[in-house]
Amino acid sequence: MSEKILFRTGEATVLAKEGQFTDAMPEILIGDVSGPVGQAFANMMAQSAGHT
């Protein structure tokens, strides 16, 4: 039996020491793997000419 695969959501902010800028701020995805969000994720992860 096949299940529909969904992206899960999450967000985190990792702050540097006091007086410094934010170290990391991961973004989130919401949506079905086979829908527009899945397509956007695949495009983002694909290598393009000159960027390997």
N, C-alpha and C. Protein backbone atom coordinates (compact mmCIF):
# COMPACT_ATOMS: atom_id res chain seq x y z
N MET A 1 0.84 -1.18 0.00
CA MET A 1 0.00 0.00 0.00
C MET A 1 0.89 1.25 0.00
N SER A 2 0.59 2.15 -0.89
CA SER A 2 1.41 3.36 -0.96
C SER A 2 0.77 4.48 -0.15
N GLU A 3 1.61 5.21 0.54
CA GLU A 3 1.15 6.35 1.34
C GLU A 3 1.53 7.64 0.66
N LYS A 4 0.71 8.66 0.86
CA LYS A 4 1.03 9.99 0.37
C LYS A 4 2.13 10.57 1.25
N ILE A 5 3.18 11.08 0.63
CA ILE A 5 4.31 11.63 1.39
C ILE A 5 4.17 13.15 1.45
N LEU A 6 4.19 13.67 2.66
CA LEU A 6 4.09 15.12 2.86
C LEU A 6 5.38 15.64 3.46
N PHE A 7 5.73 16.86 3.14
CA PHE A 7 6.83 17.53 3.81
C PHE A 7 6.35 17.90 5.21
N ARG A 8 7.21 17.79 6.16
CA ARG A 8 6.91 18.25 7.51
C ARG A 8 7.44 19.67 7.66
N THR A 9 6.96 20.35 8.66
CA THR A 9 7.39 21.73 8.84
C THR A 9 8.28 21.87 10.07
N GLY A 10 9.09 22.87 10.08
CA GLY A 10 9.93 23.15 11.24
C GLY A 10 10.71 24.42 11.03
N GLU A 11 11.08 25.03 12.11
CA GLU A 11 11.85 26.27 12.02
C GLU A 11 12.72 26.38 13.27
N ALA A 12 13.90 26.90 13.08
CA ALA A 12 14.80 27.10 14.21
C ALA A 12 15.66 28.32 13.95
N THR A 13 15.97 29.02 15.00
CA THR A 13 16.91 30.13 14.90
C THR A 13 18.05 29.84 15.87
N VAL A 14 19.25 29.77 15.33
CA VAL A 14 20.43 29.52 16.15
C VAL A 14 21.17 30.84 16.26
N LEU A 15 21.22 31.38 17.46
CA LEU A 15 21.84 32.69 17.67
C LEU A 15 23.29 32.56 18.10
N ALA A 16 24.09 33.50 17.64
CA ALA A 16 25.50 33.57 18.05
C ALA A 16 25.58 34.20 19.44
N LYS A 17 26.78 34.38 19.90
CA LYS A 17 26.97 35.03 21.20
C LYS A 17 26.44 36.45 21.17
N GLU A 18 26.20 37.00 22.32
CA GLU A 18 25.66 38.36 22.43
C GLU A 18 26.50 39.34 21.62
N GLY A 19 25.81 40.19 20.86
CA GLY A 19 26.49 41.19 20.05
C GLY A 19 26.85 40.71 18.65
N GLN A 20 26.59 39.44 18.35
CA GLN A 20 26.89 38.91 17.02
C GLN A 20 25.59 38.69 16.26
N PHE A 21 25.72 38.46 14.96
CA PHE A 21 24.56 38.22 14.13
C PHE A 21 24.07 36.78 14.26
N THR A 22 22.90 36.51 13.70
CA THR A 22 22.35 35.16 13.70
C THR A 22 23.26 34.22 12.92
N ASP A 23 23.54 33.05 13.48
CA ASP A 23 24.37 32.05 12.80
C ASP A 23 23.59 31.28 11.75
N ALA A 24 22.38 30.86 12.08
CA ALA A 24 21.60 30.04 11.15
C ALA A 24 20.11 30.27 11.36
N MET A 25 19.36 30.24 10.27
CA MET A 25 17.91 30.35 10.33
C MET A 25 17.32 29.48 9.23
N PRO A 26 17.20 28.17 9.48
CA PRO A 26 16.66 27.27 8.47
C PRO A 26 15.22 27.63 8.11
N GLU A 27 14.90 27.50 6.85
CA GLU A 27 13.55 27.78 6.37
C GLU A 27 12.69 26.52 6.46
N ILE A 28 11.39 26.66 6.21
CA ILE A 28 10.48 25.52 6.31
C ILE A 28 9.81 25.25 4.97
N LEU A 29 9.29 24.04 4.83
CA LEU A 29 8.50 23.65 3.66
C LEU A 29 7.17 23.11 4.13
N ILE A 30 6.11 23.45 3.42
CA ILE A 30 4.80 22.90 3.71
C ILE A 30 4.23 22.43 2.39
N GLY A 31 3.86 21.18 2.31
CA GLY A 31 3.24 20.73 1.07
C GLY A 31 3.51 19.29 0.73
N ASP A 32 2.81 18.83 -0.29
CA ASP A 32 2.89 17.46 -0.79
C ASP A 32 4.13 17.31 -1.66
N VAL A 33 4.82 16.18 -1.52
CA VAL A 33 6.01 15.90 -2.32
C VAL A 33 5.69 15.91 -3.82
N SER A 34 4.51 15.51 -4.20
CA SER A 34 4.17 15.45 -5.63
C SER A 34 3.54 16.74 -6.14
N GLY A 35 3.42 17.75 -5.29
CA GLY A 35 2.81 19.02 -5.69
C GLY A 35 3.85 20.09 -5.98
N PRO A 36 3.43 21.35 -6.00
CA PRO A 36 4.33 22.46 -6.31
C PRO A 36 5.50 22.59 -5.33
N VAL A 37 5.28 22.28 -4.06
CA VAL A 37 6.36 22.37 -3.08
C VAL A 37 7.43 21.33 -3.38
N GLY A 38 7.02 20.13 -3.74
CA GLY A 38 7.98 19.08 -4.12
C GLY A 38 8.78 19.46 -5.34
N GLN A 39 8.12 20.06 -6.33
CA GLN A 39 8.81 20.51 -7.54
C GLN A 39 9.82 21.61 -7.21
N ALA A 40 9.43 22.56 -6.38
CA ALA A 40 10.34 23.64 -5.99
C ALA A 40 11.55 23.09 -5.22
N PHE A 41 11.32 22.12 -4.35
CA PHE A 41 12.41 21.51 -3.59
C PHE A 41 13.37 20.78 -4.52
N ALA A 42 12.83 20.03 -5.48
CA ALA A 42 13.67 19.31 -6.45
C ALA A 42 14.50 20.29 -7.27
N ASN A 43 13.90 21.39 -7.70
CA ASN A 43 14.64 22.40 -8.47
C ASN A 43 15.75 23.04 -7.63
N MET A 44 15.45 23.28 -6.37
CA MET A 44 16.44 23.89 -5.48
C MET A 44 17.64 22.97 -5.28
N MET A 45 17.40 21.66 -5.18
CA MET A 45 18.46 20.70 -4.91
C MET A 45 19.23 20.27 -6.16
N ALA A 46 18.70 20.57 -7.34
CA ALA A 46 19.34 20.15 -8.59
C ALA A 46 20.56 21.02 -8.89
N GLN A 47 21.61 20.37 -9.39
CA GLN A 47 22.79 21.13 -9.80
C GLN A 47 22.52 21.80 -11.13
N SER A 48 23.06 22.98 -11.29
CA SER A 48 22.95 23.66 -12.58
C SER A 48 24.36 23.96 -13.10
N ALA A 49 24.45 24.18 -14.38
CA ALA A 49 25.75 24.41 -15.02
C ALA A 49 26.53 25.51 -14.32
N GLY A 50 27.77 25.23 -13.98
CA GLY A 50 28.62 26.21 -13.33
C GLY A 50 28.50 26.25 -11.82
N HIS A 51 27.57 25.49 -11.26
CA HIS A 51 27.36 25.47 -9.80
C HIS A 51 27.36 24.02 -9.32
N THR A 52 28.54 23.47 -9.08
CA THR A 52 28.63 22.08 -8.63
C THR A 52 29.21 21.98 -7.25
